[in-house]
């Protein structure tokens, strides 16, 4: 039940991230945002607008939720397919072929 709830939260977070990113103003400077211009992602004043802070917060929640979902799924599925094959398979040694020397 917990993983189902976290999966629903994940979908809601994805929708919120998409909405927050689409509502932000486009700076149209492309990769120049990382070269130190005034309109960079973390400029001299940092992310000042409400949408930038909201996007960062929702993104951080998304990453935390993704990590927790991965942990919960890995704990639930400890057994592998190979383990199931080994448990259900009996290995039978082949019988030795009769030769002329063994019959004497």
PDB file of N, CA and C in Angstrom:
ATOM      1  N   UNK A   1       0.814  -1.187   0.000  1.00  0.00           N
ATOM      2  CA  UNK A   1       0.000   0.000   0.000  1.00  0.00           C
ATOM      3  C   UNK A   1       0.863   1.258   0.000  1.00  0.00           C
ATOM      4  N   UNK A   2       1.980   1.214   0.674  1.00  0.00           N
ATOM      5  CA  UNK A   2       2.845   2.379   0.745  1.00  0.00           C
ATOM      6  C   UNK A   2       3.421   2.717  -0.626  1.00  0.00           C
ATOM      7  N   UNK A   3       3.808   1.690  -1.388  1.00  0.00           N
ATOM      8  CA  UNK A   3       4.357   1.975  -2.704  1.00  0.00           C
ATOM      9  C   UNK A   3       3.288   2.539  -3.636  1.00  0.00           C
ATOM     10  N   UNK A   4       2.051   2.127  -3.475  1.00  0.00           N
ATOM     11  CA  UNK A   4       0.969   2.681  -4.299  1.00  0.00           C
ATOM     12  C   UNK A   4       0.776   4.161  -3.995  1.00  0.00           C
ATOM     13  N   UNK A   5       0.821   4.514  -2.719  1.00  0.00           N
ATOM     14  CA  UNK A   5       0.688   5.920  -2.335  1.00  0.00           C
ATOM     15  C   UNK A   5       1.847   6.749  -2.872  1.00  0.00           C
ATOM     16  N   UNK A   6       3.065   6.219  -2.751  1.00  0.00           N
ATOM     17  CA  UNK A   6       4.228   6.950  -3.259  1.00  0.00           C
ATOM     18  C   UNK A   6       4.191   7.083  -4.778  1.00  0.00           C
ATOM     19  N   UNK A   7       3.646   6.089  -5.457  1.00  0.00           N
ATOM     20  CA  UNK A   7       3.525   6.168  -6.914  1.00  0.00           C
ATOM     21  C   UNK A   7       2.534   7.248  -7.322  1.00  0.00           C
ATOM     22  N   UNK A   8       1.433   7.378  -6.583  1.00  0.00           N
ATOM     23  CA  UNK A   8       0.465   8.443  -6.857  1.00  0.00           C
ATOM     24  C   UNK A   8       1.088   9.810  -6.587  1.00  0.00           C
ATOM     25  N   UNK A   9       1.852   9.919  -5.488  1.00  0.00           N
ATOM     26  CA  UNK A   9       2.550  11.171  -5.177  1.00  0.00           C
ATOM     27  C   UNK A   9       3.546  11.504  -6.281  1.00  0.00           C
ATOM     28  N   UNK A  10       4.213  10.496  -6.823  1.00  0.00           N
ATOM     29  CA  UNK A  10       5.178  10.707  -7.908  1.00  0.00           C
ATOM     30  C   UNK A  10       4.494  11.305  -9.138  1.00  0.00           C
ATOM     31  N   UNK A  11       3.333  10.788  -9.490  1.00  0.00           N
ATOM     32  CA  UNK A  11       2.611  11.299 -10.658  1.00  0.00           C
ATOM     33  C   UNK A  11       2.175  12.743 -10.426  1.00  0.00           C
ATOM     34  N   UNK A  12       1.702  13.043  -9.209  1.00  0.00           N
ATOM     35  CA  UNK A  12       1.298  14.414  -8.887  1.00  0.00           C
ATOM     36  C   UNK A  12       2.506  15.357  -8.948  1.00  0.00           C
ATOM     37  N   UNK A  13       3.649  14.905  -8.449  1.00  0.00           N
ATOM     38  CA  UNK A  13       4.858  15.738  -8.493  1.00  0.00           C
ATOM     39  C   UNK A  13       5.304  16.008  -9.923  1.00  0.00           C
ATOM     40  N   UNK A  14       5.183  15.023 -10.791  1.00  0.00           N
ATOM     41  CA  UNK A  14       5.552  15.214 -12.195  1.00  0.00           C
ATOM     42  C   UNK A  14       4.671  16.279 -12.837  1.00  0.00           C
ATOM     43  N   UNK A  15       3.378  16.211 -12.581  1.00  0.00           N
ATOM     44  CA  UNK A  15       2.456  17.205 -13.144  1.00  0.00           C
ATOM     45  C   UNK A  15       2.793  18.589 -12.600  1.00  0.00           C
ATOM     46  N   UNK A  16       3.098  18.699 -11.312  1.00  0.00           N
ATOM     47  CA  UNK A  16       3.443  19.994 -10.722  1.00  0.00           C
ATOM     48  C   UNK A  16       4.743  20.557 -11.290  1.00  0.00           C
ATOM     49  N   UNK A  17       5.720  19.688 -11.528  1.00  0.00           N
ATOM     50  CA  UNK A  17       6.983  20.154 -12.123  1.00  0.00           C
ATOM     51  C   UNK A  17       6.748  20.679 -13.523  1.00  0.00           C
ATOM     52  N   UNK A  18       5.970  19.968 -14.308  1.00  0.00           N
ATOM     53  CA  UNK A  18       5.691  20.404 -15.682  1.00  0.00           C
ATOM     54  C   UNK A  18       4.985  21.758 -15.671  1.00  0.00           C
ATOM     55  N   UNK A  19       4.010  21.912 -14.804  1.00  0.00           N
ATOM     56  CA  UNK A  19       3.286  23.187 -14.734  1.00  0.00           C
ATOM     57  C   UNK A  19       4.212  24.308 -14.289  1.00  0.00           C
ATOM     58  N   UNK A  20       5.045  24.061 -13.273  1.00  0.00           N
ATOM     59  CA  UNK A  20       5.944  25.098 -12.769  1.00  0.00           C
ATOM     60  C   UNK A  20       6.973  25.505 -13.814  1.00  0.00           C
ATOM     61  N   UNK A  21       7.476  24.563 -14.574  1.00  0.00           N
ATOM     62  CA  UNK A  21       8.470  24.896 -15.604  1.00  0.00           C
ATOM     63  C   UNK A  21       7.825  25.655 -16.754  1.00  0.00           C
ATOM     64  N   UNK A  22       6.623  25.236 -17.154  1.00  0.00           N
ATOM     65  CA  UNK A  22       5.967  25.907 -18.277  1.00  0.00           C
ATOM     66  C   UNK A  22       5.513  27.324 -17.925  1.00  0.00           C
ATOM     67  N   UNK A  23       5.262  27.606 -16.663  1.00  0.00           N
ATOM     68  CA  UNK A  23       4.833  28.944 -16.272  1.00  0.00           C
ATOM     69  C   UNK A  23       5.988  29.938 -16.141  1.00  0.00           C
ATOM     70  N   UNK A  24       7.219  29.451 -16.095  1.00  0.00           N
ATOM     71  CA  UNK A  24       8.357  30.346 -15.916  1.00  0.00           C
ATOM     72  C   UNK A  24       8.661  31.122 -17.187  1.00  0.00           C
ATOM     73  N   UNK A  25       9.284  32.283 -16.992  1.00  0.00           N
ATOM     74  CA  UNK A  25       9.658  33.138 -18.106  1.00  0.00           C
ATOM     75  C   UNK A  25      10.847  32.534 -18.850  1.00  0.00           C
ATOM     76  N   UNK A  26      10.777  32.543 -20.154  1.00  0.00           N
ATOM     77  CA  UNK A  26      11.871  32.027 -20.963  1.00  0.00           C
ATOM     78  C   UNK A  26      12.907  33.118 -21.150  1.00  0.00           C
ATOM     79  N   UNK A  27      14.166  32.811 -20.864  1.00  0.00           N
ATOM     80  CA  UNK A  27      15.215  33.817 -21.001  1.00  0.00           C
ATOM     81  C   UNK A  27      15.832  33.803 -22.401  1.00  0.00           C
ATOM     82  N   UNK A  28      15.677  32.721 -23.147  1.00  0.00           N
ATOM     83  CA  UNK A  28      16.142  32.595 -24.526  1.00  0.00           C
ATOM     84  C   UNK A  28      17.630  32.852 -24.682  1.00  0.00           C
ATOM     85  N   UNK A  29      18.426  32.474 -23.710  1.00  0.00           N
ATOM     86  CA  UNK A  29      19.861  32.643 -23.870  1.00  0.00           C
ATOM     87  C   UNK A  29      20.574  31.303 -24.036  1.00  0.00           C
ATOM     88  N   UNK A  30      19.827  30.247 -24.037  1.00  0.00           N
ATOM     89  CA  UNK A  30      20.397  28.925 -24.291  1.00  0.00           C
ATOM     90  C   UNK A  30      21.448  28.533 -23.276  1.00  0.00           C
ATOM     91  N   UNK A  31      22.607  28.077 -23.754  1.00  0.00           N
ATOM     92  CA  UNK A  31      23.670  27.649 -22.863  1.00  0.00           C
ATOM     93  C   UNK A  31      24.409  28.823 -22.228  1.00  0.00           C
ATOM     94  N   UNK A  32      24.086  30.039 -22.605  1.00  0.00           N
ATOM     95  CA  UNK A  32      24.702  31.200 -21.991  1.00  0.00           C
ATOM     96  C   UNK A  32      24.333  31.351 -20.528  1.00  0.00           C
ATOM     97  N   UNK A  33      23.320  30.652 -20.079  1.00  0.00           N
ATOM     98  CA  UNK A  33      22.907  30.721 -18.679  1.00  0.00           C
ATOM     99  C   UNK A  33      23.988  30.177 -17.761  1.00  0.00           C
ATOM    100  N   UNK A  34      24.857  29.331 -18.279  1.00  0.00           N
ATOM    101  CA  UNK A  34      25.882  28.720 -17.432  1.00  0.00           C
ATOM    102  C   UNK A  34      27.233  29.409 -17.581  1.00  0.00           C
ATOM    103  N   UNK A  35      27.299  30.483 -18.361  1.00  0.00           N
ATOM    104  CA  UNK A  35      28.582  31.147 -18.571  1.00  0.00           C
ATOM    105  C   UNK A  35      28.765  32.367 -17.688  1.00  0.00           C
ATOM    106  N   UNK A  36      27.849  32.627 -16.768  1.00  0.00           N
ATOM    107  CA  UNK A  36      28.035  33.702 -15.823  1.00  0.00           C
ATOM    108  C   UNK A  36      27.300  34.974 -16.168  1.00  0.00           C
ATOM    109  N   UNK A  37      26.298  34.920 -17.015  1.00  0.00           N
ATOM    110  CA  UNK A  37      25.552  36.130 -17.339  1.00  0.00           C
ATOM    111  C   UNK A  37      24.631  36.497 -16.186  1.00  0.00           C
ATOM    112  N   UNK A  38      24.059  37.690 -16.222  1.00  0.00           N
ATOM    113  CA  UNK A  38      23.187  38.148 -15.139  1.00  0.00           C
ATOM    114  C   UNK A  38      21.895  37.359 -15.058  1.00  0.00           C
ATOM    115  N   UNK A  39      21.472  36.748 -16.149  1.00  0.00           N
ATOM    116  CA  UNK A  39      20.228  35.995 -16.151  1.00  0.00           C
ATOM    117  C   UNK A  39      20.485  34.504 -15.941  1.00  0.00           C
ATOM    118  N   UNK A  40      21.574  34.181 -15.301  1.00  0.00           N
ATOM    119  CA  UNK A  40      21.901  32.771 -15.096  1.00  0.00           C
ATOM    120  C   UNK A  40      20.959  32.149 -14.075  1.00  0.00           C
ATOM    121  N   UNK A  41      21.022  30.848 -13.978  1.00  0.00           N
ATOM    122  CA  UNK A  41      20.119  30.114 -13.108  1.00  0.00           C
ATOM    123  C   UNK A  41      20.305  30.559 -11.654  1.00  0.00           C
ATOM    124  N   UNK A  42      21.539  30.633 -11.185  1.00  0.00           N
ATOM    125  CA  UNK A  42      21.824  31.139  -9.855  1.00  0.00           C
ATOM    126  C   UNK A  42      22.712  32.366 -10.009  1.00  0.00           C
ATOM    127  N   UNK A  43      22.126  33.468 -10.367  1.00  0.00           N
ATOM    128  CA  UNK A  43      22.858  34.710 -10.599  1.00  0.00           C
ATOM    129  C   UNK A  43      23.335  35.325  -9.309  1.00  0.00           C
ATOM    130  N   UNK A  44      23.566  36.645  -9.320  1.00  0.00           N
ATOM    131  CA  UNK A  44      24.085  37.338  -8.151  1.00  0.00           C
ATOM    132  C   UNK A  44      23.106  37.293  -6.987  1.00  0.00           C
ATOM    133  N   UNK A  45      21.822  37.319  -7.254  1.00  0.00           N
ATOM    134  CA  UNK A  45      20.815  37.323  -6.192  1.00  0.00           C
ATOM    135  C   UNK A  45      20.227  35.944  -5.939  1.00  0.00           C
ATOM    136  N   UNK A  46      20.595  34.957  -6.709  1.00  0.00           N
ATOM    137  CA  UNK A  46      20.048  33.609  -6.535  1.00  0.00           C
ATOM    138  C   UNK A  46      18.659  33.513  -7.126  1.00  0.00           C
ATOM    139  N   UNK A  47      18.031  32.354  -6.983  1.00  0.00           N
ATOM    140  CA  UNK A  47      16.675  32.208  -7.524  1.00  0.00           C
ATOM    141  C   UNK A  47      15.699  33.038  -6.694  1.00  0.00           C
ATOM    142  N   UNK A  48      15.264  34.157  -7.250  1.00  0.00           N
ATOM    143  CA  UNK A  48      14.460  35.086  -6.474  1.00  0.00           C
ATOM    144  C   UNK A  48      12.964  34.908  -6.615  1.00  0.00           C
ATOM    145  N   UNK A  49      12.531  34.433  -7.730  1.00  0.00           N
ATOM    146  CA  UNK A  49      11.084  34.400  -7.954  1.00  0.00           C
ATOM    147  C   UNK A  49      10.430  33.221  -7.245  1.00  0.00           C
ATOM    148  N   UNK A  50       9.146  33.364  -7.049  1.00  0.00           N
ATOM    149  CA  UNK A  50       8.376  32.307  -6.389  1.00  0.00           C
ATOM    150  C   UNK A  50       8.394  31.021  -7.203  1.00  0.00           C
ATOM    151  N   UNK A  51       8.282  31.144  -8.535  1.00  0.00           N
ATOM    152  CA  UNK A  51       8.245  29.945  -9.372  1.00  0.00           C
ATOM    153  C   UNK A  51       9.575  29.193  -9.348  1.00  0.00           C
ATOM    154  N   UNK A  52      10.670  29.927  -9.267  1.00  0.00           N
ATOM    155  CA  UNK A  52      11.976  29.259  -9.201  1.00  0.00           C
ATOM    156  C   UNK A  52      12.110  28.480  -7.896  1.00  0.00           C
ATOM    157  N   UNK A  53      11.676  29.084  -6.806  1.00  0.00           N
ATOM    158  CA  UNK A  53      11.732  28.383  -5.521  1.00  0.00           C
ATOM    159  C   UNK A  53      10.776  27.193  -5.494  1.00  0.00           C
ATOM    160  N   UNK A  54       9.592  27.376  -6.065  1.00  0.00           N
ATOM    161  CA  UNK A  54       8.619  26.287  -6.103  1.00  0.00           C
ATOM    162  C   UNK A  54       9.130  25.133  -6.969  1.00  0.00           C
ATOM    163  N   UNK A  55       9.753  25.449  -8.094  1.00  0.00           N
ATOM    164  CA  UNK A  55      10.293  24.409  -8.973  1.00  0.00           C
ATOM    165  C   UNK A  55      11.396  23.642  -8.264  1.00  0.00           C
ATOM    166  N   UNK A  56      12.267  24.373  -7.567  1.00  0.00           N
ATOM    167  CA  UNK A  56      13.342  23.709  -6.822  1.00  0.00           C
ATOM    168  C   UNK A  56      12.774  22.795  -5.742  1.00  0.00           C
ATOM    169  N   UNK A  57      11.775  23.262  -5.009  1.00  0.00           N
ATOM    170  CA  UNK A  57      11.185  22.473  -3.926  1.00  0.00           C
ATOM    171  C   UNK A  57      10.499  21.228  -4.463  1.00  0.00           C
ATOM    172  N   UNK A  58       9.707  21.399  -5.512  1.00  0.00           N
ATOM    173  CA  UNK A  58       9.000  20.245  -6.081  1.00  0.00           C
ATOM    174  C   UNK A  58      10.003  19.267  -6.699  1.00  0.00           C
ATOM    175  N   UNK A  59      11.058  19.790  -7.312  1.00  0.00           N
ATOM    176  CA  UNK A  59      12.096  18.920  -7.866  1.00  0.00           C
ATOM    177  C   UNK A  59      12.814  18.126  -6.789  1.00  0.00           C
ATOM    178  N   UNK A  60      13.090  18.777  -5.667  1.00  0.00           N
ATOM    179  CA  UNK A  60      13.729  18.082  -4.556  1.00  0.00           C
ATOM    180  C   UNK A  60      12.811  16.996  -3.990  1.00  0.00           C
ATOM    181  N   UNK A  61      11.529  17.301  -3.849  1.00  0.00           N
ATOM    182  CA  UNK A  61      10.565  16.288  -3.393  1.00  0.00           C
ATOM    183  C   UNK A  61      10.477  15.123  -4.379  1.00  0.00           C
ATOM    184  N   UNK A  62      10.560  15.439  -5.668  1.00  0.00           N
ATOM    185  CA  UNK A  62      10.523  14.410  -6.705  1.00  0.00           C
ATOM    186  C   UNK A  62      11.716  13.458  -6.568  1.00  0.00           C
ATOM    187  N   UNK A  63      12.902  14.022  -6.352  1.00  0.00           N
ATOM    188  CA  UNK A  63      14.106  13.191  -6.218  1.00  0.00           C
ATOM    189  C   UNK A  63      14.022  12.328  -4.961  1.00  0.00           C
ATOM    190  N   UNK A  64      13.592  12.909  -3.846  1.00  0.00           N
ATOM    191  CA  UNK A  64      13.462  12.147  -2.605  1.00  0.00           C
ATOM    192  C   UNK A  64      12.436  11.026  -2.761  1.00  0.00           C
ATOM    193  N   UNK A  65      11.314  11.335  -3.417  1.00  0.00           N
ATOM    194  CA  UNK A  65      10.278  10.321  -3.634  1.00  0.00           C
ATOM    195  C   UNK A  65      10.779   9.215  -4.567  1.00  0.00           C
ATOM    196  N   UNK A  66      11.555   9.572  -5.573  1.00  0.00           N
ATOM    197  CA  UNK A  66      12.101   8.576  -6.493  1.00  0.00           C
ATOM    198  C   UNK A  66      13.053   7.629  -5.772  1.00  0.00           C
ATOM    199  N   UNK A  67      13.907   8.187  -4.911  1.00  0.00           N
ATOM    200  CA  UNK A  67      14.848   7.355  -4.162  1.00  0.00           C
ATOM    201  C   UNK A  67      14.099   6.429  -3.209  1.00  0.00           C
ATOM    202  N   UNK A  68      13.085   6.958  -2.543  1.00  0.00           N
ATOM    203  CA  UNK A  68      12.331   6.111  -1.613  1.00  0.00           C
ATOM    204  C   UNK A  68      11.545   5.030  -2.346  1.00  0.00           C
ATOM    205  N   UNK A  69      10.995   5.352  -3.517  1.00  0.00           N
ATOM    206  CA  UNK A  69      10.308   4.322  -4.316  1.00  0.00           C
ATOM    207  C   UNK A  69      11.276   3.224  -4.757  1.00  0.00           C
ATOM    208  N   UNK A  70      12.451   3.621  -5.195  1.00  0.00           N
ATOM    209  CA  UNK A  70      13.457   2.630  -5.591  1.00  0.00           C
ATOM    210  C   UNK A  70      13.862   1.732  -4.445  1.00  0.00           C
ATOM    211  N   UNK A  71      14.015   2.320  -3.253  1.00  0.00           N
ATOM    212  CA  UNK A  71      14.368   1.526  -2.078  1.00  0.00           C
ATOM    213  C   UNK A  71      13.245   0.561  -1.716  1.00  0.00           C
ATOM    214  N   UNK A  72      12.011   1.048  -1.740  1.00  0.00           N
ATOM    215  CA  UNK A  72      10.880   0.194  -1.359  1.00  0.00           C
ATOM    216  C   UNK A  72      10.706  -0.961  -2.352  1.00  0.00           C
ATOM    217  N   UNK A  73      10.859  -0.680  -3.650  1.00  0.00           N
ATOM    218  CA  UNK A  73      10.731  -1.750  -4.646  1.00  0.00           C
ATOM    219  C   UNK A  73      11.861  -2.760  -4.532  1.00  0.00           C
ATOM    220  N   UNK A  74      13.074  -2.288  -4.227  1.00  0.00           N
ATOM    221  CA  UNK A  74      14.190  -3.229  -4.111  1.00  0.00           C
ATOM    222  C   UNK A  74      14.037  -4.104  -2.870  1.00  0.00           C
ATOM    223  N   UNK A  75      13.473  -3.571  -1.794  1.00  0.00           N
ATOM    224  CA  UNK A  75      13.240  -4.378  -0.599  1.00  0.00           C
ATOM    225  C   UNK A  75      12.131  -5.401  -0.820  1.00  0.00           C
ATOM    226  N   UNK A  76      11.142  -5.045  -1.622  1.00  0.00           N
ATOM    227  CA  UNK A  76      10.026  -5.958  -1.872  1.00  0.00           C
ATOM    228  C   UNK A  76      10.420  -7.100  -2.804  1.00  0.00           C
ATOM    229  N   UNK A  77      11.391  -6.866  -3.653  1.00  0.00           N
ATOM    230  CA  UNK A  77      11.772  -7.867  -4.656  1.00  0.00           C
ATOM    231  C   UNK A  77      13.215  -8.299  -4.441  1.00  0.00           C
ATOM    232  N   UNK A  78      13.483  -8.964  -3.345  1.00  0.00           N
ATOM    233  CA  UNK A  78      14.839  -9.423  -3.055  1.00  0.00           C
ATOM    234  C   UNK A  78      15.223 -10.659  -3.870  1.00  0.00           C
ATOM    235  N   UNK A  79      14.267 -11.520  -4.159  1.00  0.00           N
ATOM    236  CA  UNK A  79      14.557 -12.745  -4.900  1.00  0.00           C
ATOM    237  C   UNK A  79      14.697 -12.439  -6.384  1.00  0.00           C
ATOM    238  N   UNK A  80      15.592 -13.144  -7.022  1.00  0.00           N
ATOM    239  CA  UNK A  80      15.785 -12.950  -8.453  1.00  0.00           C
ATOM    240  C   UNK A  80      15.215 -14.139  -9.225  1.00  0.00           C
ATOM    241  N   UNK A  81      15.183 -14.022 -10.516  1.00  0.00           N
ATOM    242  CA  UNK A  81      14.678 -15.099 -11.372  1.00  0.00           C
ATOM    243  C   UNK A  81      15.584 -16.315 -11.278  1.00  0.00           C
ATOM    244  N   UNK A  82      16.878 -16.088 -11.144  1.00  0.00           N
ATOM    245  CA  UNK A  82      17.831 -17.193 -11.053  1.00  0.00           C
ATOM    246  C   UNK A  82      17.583 -17.997  -9.779  1.00  0.00           C
ATOM    247  N   UNK A  83      17.248 -17.326  -8.672  1.00  0.00           N
ATOM    248  CA  UNK A  83      16.949 -18.043  -7.439  1.00  0.00           C
ATOM    249  C   UNK A  83      15.750 -18.958  -7.609  1.00  0.00           C
ATOM    250  N   UNK A  84      14.733 -18.501  -8.312  1.00  0.00           N
ATOM    251  CA  UNK A  84      13.562 -19.332  -8.561  1.00  0.00           C
ATOM    252  C   UNK A  84      13.911 -20.543  -9.421  1.00  0.00           C
ATOM    253  N   UNK A  85      14.789 -20.369 -10.399  1.00  0.00           N
ATOM    254  CA  UNK A  85      15.183 -21.485 -11.255  1.00  0.00           C
ATOM    255  C   UNK A  85      15.964 -22.527 -10.473  1.00  0.00           C
ATOM    256  N   UNK A  86      16.852 -22.088  -9.598  1.00  0.00           N
ATOM    257  CA  UNK A  86      17.671 -23.021  -8.824  1.00  0.00           C
ATOM    258  C   UNK A  86      16.800 -23.805  -7.848  1.00  0.00           C
ATOM    259  N   UNK A  87      15.820 -23.173  -7.228  1.00  0.00           N
ATOM    260  CA  UNK A  87      14.963 -23.859  -6.263  1.00  0.00           C
ATOM    261  C   UNK A  87      14.059 -24.888  -6.930  1.00  0.00           C
ATOM    262  N   UNK A  88      13.612 -24.621  -8.142  1.00  0.00           N
ATOM    263  CA  UNK A  88      12.650 -25.494  -8.806  1.00  0.00           C
ATOM    264  C   UNK A  88      13.298 -26.523  -9.728  1.00  0.00           C
ATOM    265  N   UNK A  89      14.593 -26.517  -9.842  1.00  0.00           N
ATOM    266  CA  UNK A  89      15.279 -27.413 -10.766  1.00  0.00           C
ATOM    267  C   UNK A  89      16.042 -28.472  -9.986  1.00  0.00           C
ATOM    268  N   UNK A  90      15.865 -29.706 -10.381  1.00  0.00           N
ATOM    269  CA  UNK A  90      16.662 -30.783  -9.803  1.00  0.00           C
ATOM    270  C   UNK A  90      17.673 -31.217 -10.840  1.00  0.00           C
ATOM    271  N   UNK A  91      18.895 -31.327 -10.406  1.00  0.00           N
ATOM    272  CA  UNK A  91      19.968 -31.697 -11.327  1.00  0.00           C
ATOM    273  C   UNK A  91      20.191 -33.201 -11.210  1.00  0.00           C
ATOM    274  N   UNK A  92      20.082 -33.871 -12.330  1.00  0.00           N
ATOM    275  CA  UNK A  92      20.259 -35.326 -12.377  1.00  0.00           C
ATOM    276  C   UNK A  92      21.507 -35.613 -13.186  1.00  0.00           C
ATOM    277  N   UNK A  93      22.397 -36.365 -12.581  1.00  0.00           N
ATOM    278  CA  UNK A  93      23.630 -36.724 -13.282  1.00  0.00           C
ATOM    279  C   UNK A  93      23.315 -37.783 -14.327  1.00  0.00           C
ATOM    280  N   UNK A  94      23.952 -37.668 -15.472  1.00  0.00           N
ATOM    281  CA  UNK A  94      23.700 -38.685 -16.505  1.00  0.00           C
ATOM    282  C   UNK A  94      24.298 -40.031 -16.094  1.00  0.00           C
ATOM    283  N   UNK A  95      23.627 -41.073 -16.511  1.00  0.00           N
ATOM    284  CA  UNK A  95      24.112 -42.411 -16.192  1.00  0.00           C
ATOM    285  C   UNK A  95      25.300 -42.731 -17.085  1.00  0.00           C
ATOM    286  N   UNK A  96      26.225 -43.469 -16.494  1.00  0.00           N
ATOM    287  CA  UNK A  96      27.436 -43.820 -17.236  1.00  0.00           C
ATOM    288  C   UNK A  96      27.088 -44.816 -18.336  1.00  0.00           C
ATOM    289  N   UNK A  97      27.684 -44.584 -19.469  1.00  0.00           N
ATOM    290  CA  UNK A  97      27.447 -45.487 -20.594  1.00  0.00           C
ATOM    291  C   UNK A  97      28.213 -46.792 -20.359  1.00  0.00           C
ATOM    292  N   UNK A  98      27.592 -47.889 -20.679  1.00  0.00           N
ATOM    293  CA  UNK A  98      28.243 -49.163 -20.512  1.00  0.00           C
ATOM    294  C   UNK A  98      29.211 -49.381 -21.664  1.00  0.00           C
ATOM    295  N   UNK A  99      30.420 -49.698 -21.304  1.00  0.00           N
ATOM    296  CA  UNK A  99      31.457 -49.999 -22.313  1.00  0.00           C
ATOM    297  C   UNK A  99      31.848 -51.470 -22.156  1.00  0.00           C
ATOM    298  N   UNK A 100      32.657 -51.936 -23.052  1.00  0.00           N
ATOM    299  CA  UNK A 100      33.072 -53.348 -23.017  1.00  0.00           C
ATOM    300  C   UNK A 100      33.932 -53.623 -21.805  1.00  0.00           C
ATOM    301  N   UNK A 101      34.753 -52.645 -21.384  1.00  0.00           N
ATOM    302  CA  UNK A 101      35.646 -52.877 -20.270  1.00  0.00           C
ATOM    303  C   UNK A 101      34.882 -52.938 -18.957  1.00  0.00           C
ATOM    304  N   UNK A 102      33.796 -52.188 -18.826  1.00  0.00           N
ATOM    305  CA  UNK A 102      33.068 -52.199 -17.570  1.00  0.00           C
ATOM    306  C   UNK A 102      32.174 -53.419 -17.422  1.00  0.00           C
ATOM    307  N   UNK A 103      31.933 -54.125 -18.510  1.00  0.00           N
ATOM    308  CA  UNK A 103      31.089 -55.320 -18.441  1.00  0.00           C
ATOM    309  C   UNK A 103      31.899 -56.571 -18.153  1.00  0.00           C
ATOM    310  N   UNK A 104      33.192 -56.532 -18.218  1.00  0.00           N
ATOM    311  CA  UNK A 104      34.018 -57.731 -18.024  1.00  0.00           C
ATOM    312  C   UNK A 104      34.199 -58.082 -16.602  1.00  0.00           C
TER     313      UNK A 104
END
